[in-house]
Amino acid sequence: MGIKLCTLAYVRDGEHTLMLRRSPDHREQAGKYNGLGGKFEQGETPEQCLAREVLEESGLVVEEATLKGFITFPAFDGTDDWYVFVYLVTRFTGSLRESGEGSLHWVKTDEVPALPLWEGDRHFLPWLEQPRVFSAEFRYQDGRYVGHDVVFY
């Protein structure tokens, strides 16, 4: 059993949120929408990982981001615990470009919960609007959401 450190960013432009629809080669995630992000590289800080992943997946340069929370996914892939720093990006530069991760879509923020998401995402997405920082544990079993616990600071 290991640990995976990751970032997850929700890029906002007014009333729209940039969402990534995963391509078919992402087996368990195929067709699901998510924010931008990914695993840390050796020696990276959460902010460096955030900036790199957003740039790689979208072509956008993060100018301003707020840490909104931290999520633990115990044995998410059946083996490793995933620890995810969740950010809201509210200022950026650059032009969108596609990546091999999937297709990018600007979606009205209030319509995001209706997309095909990981079930747990529907629980934490409203927390992005709060002034508090959250720390949560989301539990999945065989790829299915089974519950969560959260603390707000």
C-alpha atoms as a PDB file:
ATOM      1  CA  MET A   1       0.000   0.000   0.000  1.00  0.00           C
ATOM      2  CA  GLY A   2       1.336   3.384  -1.003  1.00  0.00           C
ATOM      3  CA  ILE A   3       0.418   7.050  -1.054  1.00  0.00           C
ATOM      4  CA  LYS A   4      -0.372   9.215  -4.078  1.00  0.00           C
ATOM      5  CA  LEU A   5      -0.250  13.004  -3.698  1.00  0.00           C
ATOM      6  CA  CYS A   6      -2.390  14.956  -6.154  1.00  0.00           C
ATOM      7  CA  THR A   7      -3.949  18.312  -6.909  1.00  0.00           C
ATOM      8  CA  LEU A   8      -7.430  18.993  -8.251  1.00  0.00           C
ATOM      9  CA  ALA A   9      -8.311  22.415  -9.679  1.00  0.00           C
ATOM     10  CA  TYR A  10     -11.634  23.914 -10.624  1.00  0.00           C
ATOM     11  CA  VAL A  11     -10.927  26.804 -13.000  1.00  0.00           C
ATOM     12  CA  ARG A  12     -13.656  29.460 -12.967  1.00  0.00           C
ATOM     13  CA  ASP A  13     -14.365  32.181 -15.494  1.00  0.00           C
ATOM     14  CA  GLY A  14     -17.376  34.145 -14.320  1.00  0.00           C
ATOM     15  CA  GLU A  15     -20.326  31.770 -14.135  1.00  0.00           C
ATOM     16  CA  HIS A  16     -18.503  28.918 -15.908  1.00  0.00           C
ATOM     17  CA  THR A  17     -16.215  26.153 -14.660  1.00  0.00           C
ATOM     18  CA  LEU A  18     -13.699  24.391 -16.890  1.00  0.00           C
ATOM     19  CA  MET A  19     -14.315  20.658 -16.797  1.00  0.00           C
ATOM     20  CA  LEU A  20     -12.287  17.828 -18.302  1.00  0.00           C
ATOM     21  CA  ARG A  21     -14.222  14.930 -19.819  1.00  0.00           C
ATOM     22  CA  ARG A  22     -11.978  11.875 -19.575  1.00  0.00           C
ATOM     23  CA  SER A  23     -11.139  10.026 -22.757  1.00  0.00           C
ATOM     24  CA  PRO A  24     -12.000   6.322 -23.263  1.00  0.00           C
ATOM     25  CA  ASP A  25      -8.438   5.199 -22.510  1.00  0.00           C
ATOM     26  CA  HIS A  26      -8.952   6.245 -18.864  1.00  0.00           C
ATOM     27  CA  ARG A  27     -10.797   3.011 -18.106  1.00  0.00           C
ATOM     28  CA  GLU A  28     -12.562   3.618 -14.793  1.00  0.00           C
ATOM     29  CA  GLN A  29     -12.839   7.354 -15.478  1.00  0.00           C
ATOM     30  CA  ALA A  30     -13.938   7.177 -19.138  1.00  0.00           C
ATOM     31  CA  GLY A  31     -16.693   9.671 -19.872  1.00  0.00           C
ATOM     32  CA  LYS A  32     -16.596  11.193 -16.392  1.00  0.00           C
ATOM     33  CA  TYR A  33     -16.074  14.916 -15.901  1.00  0.00           C
ATOM     34  CA  ASN A  34     -13.596  16.266 -13.414  1.00  0.00           C
ATOM     35  CA  GLY A  35     -11.545  19.307 -12.617  1.00  0.00           C
ATOM     36  CA  LEU A  36      -7.948  19.547 -13.802  1.00  0.00           C
ATOM     37  CA  GLY A  37      -5.062  18.036 -11.918  1.00  0.00           C
ATOM     38  CA  GLY A  38      -2.878  15.083 -11.273  1.00  0.00           C
ATOM     39  CA  LYS A  39      -0.025  13.558  -9.340  1.00  0.00           C
ATOM     40  CA  PHE A  40       2.887  15.412  -7.814  1.00  0.00           C
ATOM     41  CA  GLU A  41       6.295  15.082  -9.407  1.00  0.00           C
ATOM     42  CA  GLN A  42       9.367  14.594  -7.232  1.00  0.00           C
ATOM     43  CA  GLY A  43      10.083  17.679  -5.111  1.00  0.00           C
ATOM     44  CA  GLU A  44       6.980  19.650  -6.133  1.00  0.00           C
ATOM     45  CA  THR A  45       4.913  21.739  -3.754  1.00  0.00           C
ATOM     46  CA  PRO A  46       1.117  21.550  -4.059  1.00  0.00           C
ATOM     47  CA  GLU A  47       1.114  24.949  -5.784  1.00  0.00           C
ATOM     48  CA  GLN A  48       3.778  23.893  -8.290  1.00  0.00           C
ATOM     49  CA  CYS A  49       1.845  20.706  -9.074  1.00  0.00           C
ATOM     50  CA  LEU A  50      -1.362  22.716  -9.477  1.00  0.00           C
ATOM     51  CA  ALA A  51       0.238  25.164 -11.912  1.00  0.00           C
ATOM     52  CA  ARG A  52       1.969  22.450 -13.934  1.00  0.00           C
ATOM     53  CA  GLU A  53      -1.098  20.211 -14.199  1.00  0.00           C
ATOM     54  CA  VAL A  54      -3.429  23.064 -15.226  1.00  0.00           C
ATOM     55  CA  LEU A  55      -0.921  24.183 -17.868  1.00  0.00           C
ATOM     56  CA  GLU A  56      -0.374  20.632 -19.187  1.00  0.00           C
ATOM     57  CA  GLU A  57      -4.064  19.777 -19.323  1.00  0.00           C
ATOM     58  CA  SER A  58      -5.444  23.081 -20.609  1.00  0.00           C
ATOM     59  CA  GLY A  59      -2.745  25.512 -21.767  1.00  0.00           C
ATOM     60  CA  LEU A  60      -3.824  27.979 -19.058  1.00  0.00           C
ATOM     61  CA  VAL A  61      -1.376  29.665 -16.680  1.00  0.00           C
ATOM     62  CA  VAL A  62      -2.641  29.935 -13.097  1.00  0.00           C
ATOM     63  CA  GLU A  63      -2.437  33.523 -11.843  1.00  0.00           C
ATOM     64  CA  GLU A  64      -4.570  33.178  -8.704  1.00  0.00           C
ATOM     65  CA  ALA A  65      -5.788  30.119  -6.835  1.00  0.00           C
ATOM     66  CA  THR A  66      -7.283  29.482  -3.421  1.00  0.00           C
ATOM     67  CA  LEU A  67      -6.807  26.267  -1.469  1.00  0.00           C
ATOM     68  CA  LYS A  68     -10.352  25.131  -0.673  1.00  0.00           C
ATOM     69  CA  GLY A  69      -9.703  21.790   0.928  1.00  0.00           C
ATOM     70  CA  PHE A  70      -7.957  18.488   1.284  1.00  0.00           C
ATOM     71  CA  ILE A  71      -9.478  15.085   0.489  1.00  0.00           C
ATOM     72  CA  THR A  72      -8.244  11.654   1.514  1.00  0.00           C
ATOM     73  CA  PHE A  73      -9.359   8.690  -0.594  1.00  0.00           C
ATOM     74  CA  PRO A  74      -8.320   5.520   1.304  1.00  0.00           C
ATOM     75  CA  ALA A  75      -7.306   2.686  -1.055  1.00  0.00           C
ATOM     76  CA  PHE A  76      -9.038   4.554  -3.887  1.00  0.00           C
ATOM     77  CA  ASP A  77      -7.509   2.433  -6.636  1.00  0.00           C
ATOM     78  CA  GLY A  78      -7.775  -0.690  -4.513  1.00  0.00           C
ATOM     79  CA  THR A  79      -4.230  -0.322  -3.263  1.00  0.00           C
ATOM     80  CA  ASP A  80      -3.020   3.233  -2.668  1.00  0.00           C
ATOM     81  CA  ASP A  81      -4.344   6.035  -0.506  1.00  0.00           C
ATOM     82  CA  TRP A  82      -4.813   9.236  -2.524  1.00  0.00           C
ATOM     83  CA  TYR A  83      -4.339  12.634  -0.865  1.00  0.00           C
ATOM     84  CA  VAL A  84      -5.740  15.500  -2.929  1.00  0.00           C
ATOM     85  CA  PHE A  85      -5.270  19.264  -2.500  1.00  0.00           C
ATOM     86  CA  VAL A  86      -8.385  20.965  -3.940  1.00  0.00           C
ATOM     87  CA  TYR A  87      -8.089  24.464  -5.430  1.00  0.00           C
ATOM     88  CA  LEU A  88     -10.361  27.066  -6.975  1.00  0.00           C
ATOM     89  CA  VAL A  89      -8.579  28.981  -9.748  1.00  0.00           C
ATOM     90  CA  THR A  90     -10.120  32.412 -10.277  1.00  0.00           C
ATOM     91  CA  ARG A  91      -7.521  34.172 -12.391  1.00  0.00           C
ATOM     92  CA  PHE A  92      -5.529  32.777 -15.295  1.00  0.00           C
ATOM     93  CA  THR A  93      -3.972  33.675 -18.638  1.00  0.00           C
ATOM     94  CA  GLY A  94      -3.373  31.765 -21.847  1.00  0.00           C
ATOM     95  CA  SER A  95      -5.513  30.018 -24.412  1.00  0.00           C
ATOM     96  CA  LEU A  96      -7.214  26.659 -24.115  1.00  0.00           C
ATOM     97  CA  ARG A  97      -5.631  23.724 -25.889  1.00  0.00           C
ATOM     98  CA  GLU A  98      -6.586  20.083 -25.806  1.00  0.00           C
ATOM     99  CA  SER A  99      -4.454  17.438 -24.140  1.00  0.00           C
ATOM    100  CA  GLY A 100      -4.403  13.660 -24.211  1.00  0.00           C
ATOM    101  CA  GLU A 101      -6.330  13.567 -20.929  1.00  0.00           C
ATOM    102  CA  GLY A 102      -9.700  14.255 -22.557  1.00  0.00           C
ATOM    103  CA  SER A 103     -11.821  17.115 -23.908  1.00  0.00           C
ATOM    104  CA  LEU A 104     -12.240  20.468 -22.174  1.00  0.00           C
ATOM    105  CA  HIS A 105     -15.653  22.059 -21.662  1.00  0.00           C
ATOM    106  CA  TRP A 106     -16.734  25.377 -20.124  1.00  0.00           C
ATOM    107  CA  VAL A 107     -19.872  24.443 -18.175  1.00  0.00           C
ATOM    108  CA  LYS A 108     -22.212  26.759 -16.289  1.00  0.00           C
ATOM    109  CA  THR A 109     -21.143  26.257 -12.682  1.00  0.00           C
ATOM    110  CA  ASP A 110     -24.677  25.539 -11.488  1.00  0.00           C
ATOM    111  CA  GLU A 111     -24.972  22.780 -14.141  1.00  0.00           C
ATOM    112  CA  VAL A 112     -21.779  20.940 -13.148  1.00  0.00           C
ATOM    113  CA  PRO A 113     -23.552  18.623 -10.644  1.00  0.00           C
ATOM    114  CA  ALA A 114     -25.745  17.272 -13.487  1.00  0.00           C
ATOM    115  CA  LEU A 115     -22.679  15.997 -15.395  1.00  0.00           C
ATOM    116  CA  PRO A 116     -21.445  12.397 -15.151  1.00  0.00           C
ATOM    117  CA  LEU A 117     -19.141  12.846 -12.125  1.00  0.00           C
ATOM    118  CA  TRP A 118     -17.652  10.636  -9.464  1.00  0.00           C
ATOM    119  CA  GLU A 119     -20.539  10.393  -7.012  1.00  0.00           C
ATOM    120  CA  GLY A 120     -18.535  11.885  -4.148  1.00  0.00           C
ATOM    121  CA  ASP A 121     -17.813  15.029  -6.178  1.00  0.00           C
ATOM    122  CA  ARG A 122     -21.459  16.069  -5.843  1.00  0.00           C
ATOM    123  CA  HIS A 123     -20.882  16.309  -2.089  1.00  0.00           C
ATOM    124  CA  PHE A 124     -17.745  18.450  -2.076  1.00  0.00           C
ATOM    125  CA  LEU A 125     -18.367  20.749  -5.067  1.00  0.00           C
ATOM    126  CA  PRO A 126     -20.706  23.020  -3.032  1.00  0.00           C
ATOM    127  CA  TRP A 127     -17.930  23.388  -0.442  1.00  0.00           C
ATOM    128  CA  LEU A 128     -15.890  25.329  -3.031  1.00  0.00           C
ATOM    129  CA  GLU A 129     -18.293  28.239  -2.476  1.00  0.00           C
ATOM    130  CA  GLN A 130     -17.666  28.412   1.274  1.00  0.00           C
ATOM    131  CA  PRO A 131     -15.081  30.699   2.890  1.00  0.00           C
ATOM    132  CA  ARG A 132     -13.920  27.803   5.088  1.00  0.00           C
ATOM    133  CA  VAL A 133     -11.314  25.166   4.234  1.00  0.00           C
ATOM    134  CA  PHE A 134     -12.428  21.548   4.388  1.00  0.00           C
ATOM    135  CA  SER A 135     -10.654  18.307   5.223  1.00  0.00           C
ATOM    136  CA  ALA A 136     -12.587  15.247   4.110  1.00  0.00           C
ATOM    137  CA  GLU A 137     -12.306  11.521   3.724  1.00  0.00           C
ATOM    138  CA  PHE A 138     -14.226   9.996   0.821  1.00  0.00           C
ATOM    139  CA  ARG A 139     -14.612   6.245   0.769  1.00  0.00           C
ATOM    140  CA  TYR A 140     -15.125   4.158  -2.356  1.00  0.00           C
ATOM    141  CA  GLN A 141     -15.401   0.391  -2.572  1.00  0.00           C
ATOM    142  CA  ASP A 142     -14.986  -1.332  -5.935  1.00  0.00           C
ATOM    143  CA  GLY A 143     -15.289   2.080  -7.619  1.00  0.00           C
ATOM    144  CA  ARG A 144     -18.550   2.937  -5.848  1.00  0.00           C
ATOM    145  CA  TYR A 145     -19.058   5.738  -3.342  1.00  0.00           C
ATOM    146  CA  VAL A 146     -19.857   4.441   0.162  1.00  0.00           C
ATOM    147  CA  GLY A 147     -19.604   7.562   2.320  1.00  0.00           C
ATOM    148  CA  HIS A 148     -17.591  10.480   3.584  1.00  0.00           C
ATOM    149  CA  ASP A 149     -16.688  12.502   6.677  1.00  0.00           C
ATOM    150  CA  VAL A 150     -15.699  16.164   6.690  1.00  0.00           C
ATOM    151  CA  VAL A 151     -14.348  18.818   9.041  1.00  0.00           C
ATOM    152  CA  PHE A 152     -14.464  22.545   8.207  1.00  0.00           C
ATOM    153  CA  TYR A 153     -11.874  25.056   9.410  1.00  0.00           C
END
